Every structure is written in C-alpha cells, then in structure tokens.
Amino acid sequence: MKRPSIRWPLPEPMKRALALAREAAAAGEVPIGAVVVKDGVIVGEGRNAPRADHDPTAHAEILAIRAAAKALGDERLTGCDLFVTLEPCAMCAGAIAHGRIARLTYAASDPKGGAVIHGARVFDHPQCLHKPEVVGGIGEVEAADLLRAFFQERR
C-alpha cells in the first residue's frame, strides 16, 4: 500500500465521499461514504444504509459499485477508481475485486473490520481474481473524526 506524502487538498471524490458519510450519520447509519470515478467523473455513489434498507449488504461501497455498474452498463468497472471513507470489509473487498476496480483509495484504516490491510487481507489471497492498486490515509483525520463522534453519541 502506498502512503500519501501530501494529505491536502483532498481530492474532490474523497470530499464527496465524506459528505455522503455525514449524510449517513444524519440518517443514523454508520458514517461511511463511497464514490466510483471513471475518467475524472463520479459515475456511482453510496452511503451506508443497512438499517434504512433492512439489508446487511447495503454498505457504501456496494451501493456505489451497483450505481456505477448500472450507469456504465457493465458489471466490469475497468478503469474506475473507488474512494471510500473507511477501509473496506471482506464483502466489499470481494465486490471491488469482482468489479475489477483499478484503484481503491480509502481514508481511515479499520483494524476491527477492515479486510484490505487488516484481517482477511482479501487482495493478498491467491484466489483473489483481481487486485486493485490501494492507497490509504487520504482524508483519514476527517473520516476517523466522523466515526469517533458517531459512536461517542451512541454510548
């Protein structure tokens, strides 16, 4: 994984992902947002919605990937980048691999539930069909602050 040498200014897609994370928090969902970008244009976005949708798969990444695939008319998101505010879980990492996303950029690491540099490390398995370029730490402070505030309010 490459660590960025410069954290500011945040790329526009990560700013949008953070805005979606704030929307999720306002709706009572864990504040995670994601956007899929192709040729510099956002083609899909999502925010966590498992509670609202009564769907355990309604993670921000899954919703953004579904929207992008529909918008592009293709289940293969070749040449697309995914920006997400938290290190993806195993389910989302699997969807990223199956979607053939070129680059994953995430903000905060997730030692408890992440599966990219923590836990299952999905992309490191020989059975993984596609491994995206991974960049972590972009918007890490903002994303971590959102998550911390969200969970502190609930304790």
C-alpha atoms as a PDB file:
ATOM      1  CA  MET A   1       0.000   0.000   0.000  1.00  0.00           C
ATOM      2  CA  LYS A   2       1.259   3.458  -0.849  1.00  0.00           C
ATOM      3  CA  ARG A   3       1.073   6.114   1.840  1.00  0.00           C
ATOM      4  CA  PRO A   4       0.480   9.637   0.562  1.00  0.00           C
ATOM      5  CA  SER A   5       3.190  12.189   1.166  1.00  0.00           C
ATOM      6  CA  ILE A   6       0.744  15.100   0.881  1.00  0.00           C
ATOM      7  CA  ARG A   7      -2.681  14.918   2.528  1.00  0.00           C
ATOM      8  CA  TRP A   8      -4.104  18.277   1.443  1.00  0.00           C
ATOM      9  CA  PRO A   9      -6.009  19.307  -0.502  1.00  0.00           C
ATOM     10  CA  LEU A  10      -8.344  16.325  -0.524  1.00  0.00           C
ATOM     11  CA  PRO A  11      -9.332  15.042  -3.951  1.00  0.00           C
ATOM     12  CA  GLU A  12     -12.894  16.031  -4.914  1.00  0.00           C
ATOM     13  CA  PRO A  13     -14.102  12.394  -4.917  1.00  0.00           C
ATOM     14  CA  MET A  14     -12.983  11.955  -1.299  1.00  0.00           C
ATOM     15  CA  LYS A  15     -14.673  15.223  -0.350  1.00  0.00           C
ATOM     16  CA  ARG A  16     -17.888  13.838  -1.848  1.00  0.00           C
ATOM     17  CA  ALA A  17     -17.416  10.504  -0.019  1.00  0.00           C
ATOM     18  CA  LEU A  18     -17.019  12.408   3.261  1.00  0.00           C
ATOM     19  CA  ALA A  19     -20.195  14.399   2.520  1.00  0.00           C
ATOM     20  CA  LEU A  20     -22.031  11.109   1.930  1.00  0.00           C
ATOM     21  CA  ALA A  21     -20.635   9.788   5.219  1.00  0.00           C
ATOM     22  CA  ARG A  22     -22.065  12.835   7.003  1.00  0.00           C
ATOM     23  CA  GLU A  23     -25.440  12.139   5.347  1.00  0.00           C
ATOM     24  CA  ALA A  24     -25.284   8.562   6.598  1.00  0.00           C
ATOM     25  CA  ALA A  25     -24.585   9.749  10.146  1.00  0.00           C
ATOM     26  CA  ALA A  26     -27.506  12.190   9.993  1.00  0.00           C
ATOM     27  CA  ALA A  27     -29.724   9.248   8.986  1.00  0.00           C
ATOM     28  CA  GLY A  28     -28.497   7.169  11.948  1.00  0.00           C
ATOM     29  CA  GLU A  29     -26.242   4.933   9.856  1.00  0.00           C
ATOM     30  CA  VAL A  30     -22.536   4.346  10.464  1.00  0.00           C
ATOM     31  CA  PRO A  31     -20.889   7.294   8.653  1.00  0.00           C
ATOM     32  CA  ILE A  32     -19.287   5.743   5.603  1.00  0.00           C
ATOM     33  CA  GLY A  33     -19.500   7.143   2.089  1.00  0.00           C
ATOM     34  CA  ALA A  34     -18.129   5.949  -1.242  1.00  0.00           C
ATOM     35  CA  VAL A  35     -17.879   7.134  -4.825  1.00  0.00           C
ATOM     36  CA  VAL A  36     -16.791   5.434  -8.043  1.00  0.00           C
ATOM     37  CA  VAL A  37     -14.954   7.607 -10.548  1.00  0.00           C
ATOM     38  CA  LYS A  38     -14.306   6.968 -14.253  1.00  0.00           C
ATOM     39  CA  ASP A  39     -12.203   9.398 -16.276  1.00  0.00           C
ATOM     40  CA  GLY A  40     -12.489  12.017 -13.536  1.00  0.00           C
ATOM     41  CA  VAL A  41     -16.304  11.862 -13.334  1.00  0.00           C
ATOM     42  CA  ILE A  42     -18.312  10.352 -10.472  1.00  0.00           C
ATOM     43  CA  VAL A  43     -20.391   7.539 -12.002  1.00  0.00           C
ATOM     44  CA  GLY A  44     -21.706   5.983  -8.790  1.00  0.00           C
ATOM     45  CA  GLU A  45     -22.026   6.894  -5.161  1.00  0.00           C
ATOM     46  CA  GLY A  46     -23.405   5.434  -1.974  1.00  0.00           C
ATOM     47  CA  ARG A  47     -23.618   5.875   1.748  1.00  0.00           C
ATOM     48  CA  ASN A  48     -24.173   3.237   4.381  1.00  0.00           C
ATOM     49  CA  ALA A  49     -27.851   2.205   4.515  1.00  0.00           C
ATOM     50  CA  PRO A  50     -28.168  -1.278   6.077  1.00  0.00           C
ATOM     51  CA  ARG A  51     -30.665  -0.094   8.695  1.00  0.00           C
ATOM     52  CA  ALA A  52     -32.789   2.025   6.375  1.00  0.00           C
ATOM     53  CA  ASP A  53     -32.828  -0.619   3.632  1.00  0.00           C
ATOM     54  CA  HIS A  54     -33.082  -3.588   6.023  1.00  0.00           C
ATOM     55  CA  ASP A  55     -30.207  -5.007   4.013  1.00  0.00           C
ATOM     56  CA  PRO A  56     -26.919  -6.150   5.572  1.00  0.00           C
ATOM     57  CA  THR A  57     -25.203  -5.738   2.181  1.00  0.00           C
ATOM     58  CA  ALA A  58     -26.136  -2.044   1.853  1.00  0.00           C
ATOM     59  CA  HIS A  59     -22.612  -0.831   2.581  1.00  0.00           C
ATOM     60  CA  ALA A  60     -21.496   2.425   0.958  1.00  0.00           C
ATOM     61  CA  GLU A  61     -19.071   0.613  -1.360  1.00  0.00           C
ATOM     62  CA  ILE A  62     -21.647  -1.915  -2.557  1.00  0.00           C
ATOM     63  CA  LEU A  63     -24.201   0.808  -3.292  1.00  0.00           C
ATOM     64  CA  ALA A  64     -21.621   2.917  -5.141  1.00  0.00           C
ATOM     65  CA  ILE A  65     -20.434  -0.090  -7.175  1.00  0.00           C
ATOM     66  CA  ARG A  66     -24.025  -1.040  -8.067  1.00  0.00           C
ATOM     67  CA  ALA A  67     -24.793   2.528  -9.157  1.00  0.00           C
ATOM     68  CA  ALA A  68     -21.622   2.736 -11.259  1.00  0.00           C
ATOM     69  CA  ALA A  69     -22.234  -0.614 -12.948  1.00  0.00           C
ATOM     70  CA  LYS A  70     -25.767   0.460 -13.810  1.00  0.00           C
ATOM     71  CA  ALA A  71     -24.646   3.890 -15.071  1.00  0.00           C
ATOM     72  CA  LEU A  72     -21.899   2.365 -17.226  1.00  0.00           C
ATOM     73  CA  GLY A  73     -23.983  -0.591 -18.348  1.00  0.00           C
ATOM     74  CA  ASP A  74     -21.262  -3.052 -17.395  1.00  0.00           C
ATOM     75  CA  GLU A  75     -20.512  -5.261 -14.396  1.00  0.00           C
ATOM     76  CA  ARG A  76     -16.797  -4.726 -15.026  1.00  0.00           C
ATOM     77  CA  LEU A  77     -15.683  -1.355 -13.741  1.00  0.00           C
ATOM     78  CA  THR A  78     -12.358  -1.471 -15.545  1.00  0.00           C
ATOM     79  CA  GLY A  79     -10.525   1.836 -15.328  1.00  0.00           C
ATOM     80  CA  CYS A  80     -12.629   3.017 -12.378  1.00  0.00           C
ATOM     81  CA  ASP A  81     -11.412   4.274  -9.021  1.00  0.00           C
ATOM     82  CA  LEU A  82     -13.285   3.783  -5.754  1.00  0.00           C
ATOM     83  CA  PHE A  83     -12.962   6.378  -2.985  1.00  0.00           C
ATOM     84  CA  VAL A  84     -14.321   5.313   0.414  1.00  0.00           C
ATOM     85  CA  THR A  85     -14.062   6.802   3.888  1.00  0.00           C
ATOM     86  CA  LEU A  86     -13.191   3.544   5.697  1.00  0.00           C
ATOM     87  CA  GLU A  87     -11.063   0.525   4.822  1.00  0.00           C
ATOM     88  CA  PRO A  88     -13.454  -1.963   3.164  1.00  0.00           C
ATOM     89  CA  CYS A  89     -14.669  -5.120   4.883  1.00  0.00           C
ATOM     90  CA  ALA A  90     -14.263  -8.572   3.306  1.00  0.00           C
ATOM     91  CA  MET A  91     -17.617  -8.375   1.487  1.00  0.00           C
ATOM     92  CA  CYS A  92     -16.803  -5.007  -0.048  1.00  0.00           C
ATOM     93  CA  ALA A  93     -13.231  -6.022  -0.911  1.00  0.00           C
ATOM     94  CA  GLY A  94     -14.676  -9.040  -2.732  1.00  0.00           C
ATOM     95  CA  ALA A  95     -17.032  -6.781  -4.693  1.00  0.00           C
ATOM     96  CA  ILE A  96     -14.116  -4.493  -5.569  1.00  0.00           C
ATOM     97  CA  ALA A  97     -12.159  -7.461  -6.919  1.00  0.00           C
ATOM     98  CA  HIS A  98     -15.132  -8.875  -8.851  1.00  0.00           C
ATOM     99  CA  GLY A  99     -15.880  -5.432 -10.283  1.00  0.00           C
ATOM    100  CA  ARG A 100     -12.268  -5.125 -11.496  1.00  0.00           C
ATOM    101  CA  ILE A 101     -11.889  -1.676  -9.943  1.00  0.00           C
ATOM    102  CA  ALA A 102      -8.464  -0.281 -10.845  1.00  0.00           C
ATOM    103  CA  ARG A 103      -7.712   1.717  -7.706  1.00  0.00           C
ATOM    104  CA  LEU A 104      -9.083   1.775  -4.172  1.00  0.00           C
ATOM    105  CA  THR A 105      -8.469   4.927  -2.149  1.00  0.00           C
ATOM    106  CA  TYR A 106      -9.691   4.840   1.437  1.00  0.00           C
ATOM    107  CA  ALA A 107      -9.483   7.337   4.271  1.00  0.00           C
ATOM    108  CA  ALA A 108      -9.351   5.623   7.678  1.00  0.00           C
ATOM    109  CA  SER A 109      -7.967   2.179   8.426  1.00  0.00           C
ATOM    110  CA  ASP A 110     -10.252  -0.289  10.200  1.00  0.00           C
ATOM    111  CA  PRO A 111      -8.293  -2.684  12.427  1.00  0.00           C
ATOM    112  CA  LYS A 112     -11.540  -4.252  13.696  1.00  0.00           C
ATOM    113  CA  GLY A 113     -13.472  -4.906  10.472  1.00  0.00           C
ATOM    114  CA  GLY A 114     -11.200  -3.969   7.588  1.00  0.00           C
ATOM    115  CA  ALA A 115     -10.078  -6.646   5.155  1.00  0.00           C
ATOM    116  CA  VAL A 116      -7.555  -4.858   2.938  1.00  0.00           C
ATOM    117  CA  ILE A 117      -4.564  -4.226   5.204  1.00  0.00           C
ATOM    118  CA  HIS A 118      -6.161  -5.834   8.273  1.00  0.00           C
ATOM    119  CA  GLY A 119      -7.999  -9.058   8.956  1.00  0.00           C
ATOM    120  CA  ALA A 120      -8.662 -11.207   5.900  1.00  0.00           C
ATOM    121  CA  ARG A 121      -6.430  -9.115   3.572  1.00  0.00           C
ATOM    122  CA  VAL A 122      -8.613 -10.186   0.671  1.00  0.00           C
ATOM    123  CA  PHE A 123      -6.395  -8.867  -2.111  1.00  0.00           C
ATOM    124  CA  ASP A 124      -3.385 -10.842  -0.836  1.00  0.00           C
ATOM    125  CA  HIS A 125      -5.042 -14.230  -1.373  1.00  0.00           C
ATOM    126  CA  PRO A 126      -4.002 -16.241  -4.437  1.00  0.00           C
ATOM    127  CA  GLN A 127      -7.708 -16.911  -5.080  1.00  0.00           C
ATOM    128  CA  CYS A 128      -8.381 -13.195  -5.493  1.00  0.00           C
ATOM    129  CA  LEU A 129      -9.109 -12.696  -9.187  1.00  0.00           C
ATOM    130  CA  HIS A 130      -8.136  -9.035  -9.325  1.00  0.00           C
ATOM    131  CA  LYS A 131      -6.043  -6.830  -7.076  1.00  0.00           C
ATOM    132  CA  PRO A 132      -6.569  -3.072  -7.321  1.00  0.00           C
ATOM    133  CA  GLU A 133      -3.931  -0.500  -6.550  1.00  0.00           C
ATOM    134  CA  VAL A 134      -4.545   0.515  -2.926  1.00  0.00           C
ATOM    135  CA  VAL A 135      -3.916   3.940  -1.400  1.00  0.00           C
ATOM    136  CA  GLY A 136      -4.812   4.564   2.237  1.00  0.00           C
ATOM    137  CA  GLY A 137      -4.901   7.554   4.528  1.00  0.00           C
ATOM    138  CA  ILE A 138      -6.461  10.134   2.187  1.00  0.00           C
ATOM    139  CA  GLY A 139      -8.868  12.071   4.430  1.00  0.00           C
ATOM    140  CA  GLU A 140      -8.047   9.829   7.364  1.00  0.00           C
ATOM    141  CA  VAL A 141      -8.411  12.505  10.053  1.00  0.00           C
ATOM    142  CA  GLU A 142     -11.810  13.688   8.800  1.00  0.00           C
ATOM    143  CA  ALA A 143     -13.192  10.166   8.408  1.00  0.00           C
ATOM    144  CA  ALA A 144     -11.895   8.990  11.785  1.00  0.00           C
ATOM    145  CA  ASP A 145     -13.349  12.073  13.483  1.00  0.00           C
ATOM    146  CA  LEU A 146     -16.766  11.376  11.919  1.00  0.00           C
ATOM    147  CA  LEU A 147     -16.705   7.767  13.106  1.00  0.00           C
ATOM    148  CA  ARG A 148     -15.499   8.651  16.603  1.00  0.00           C
ATOM    149  CA  ALA A 149     -18.186  11.320  17.047  1.00  0.00           C
ATOM    150  CA  PHE A 150     -20.893   8.992  15.744  1.00  0.00           C
ATOM    151  CA  PHE A 151     -20.057   6.198  18.185  1.00  0.00           C
ATOM    152  CA  GLN A 152     -19.483   8.562  21.136  1.00  0.00           C
ATOM    153  CA  GLU A 153     -23.014   9.919  20.696  1.00  0.00           C
ATOM    154  CA  ARG A 154     -24.367   6.374  20.972  1.00  0.00           C
ATOM    155  CA  ARG A 155     -22.518   5.371  24.127  1.00  0.00           C
END
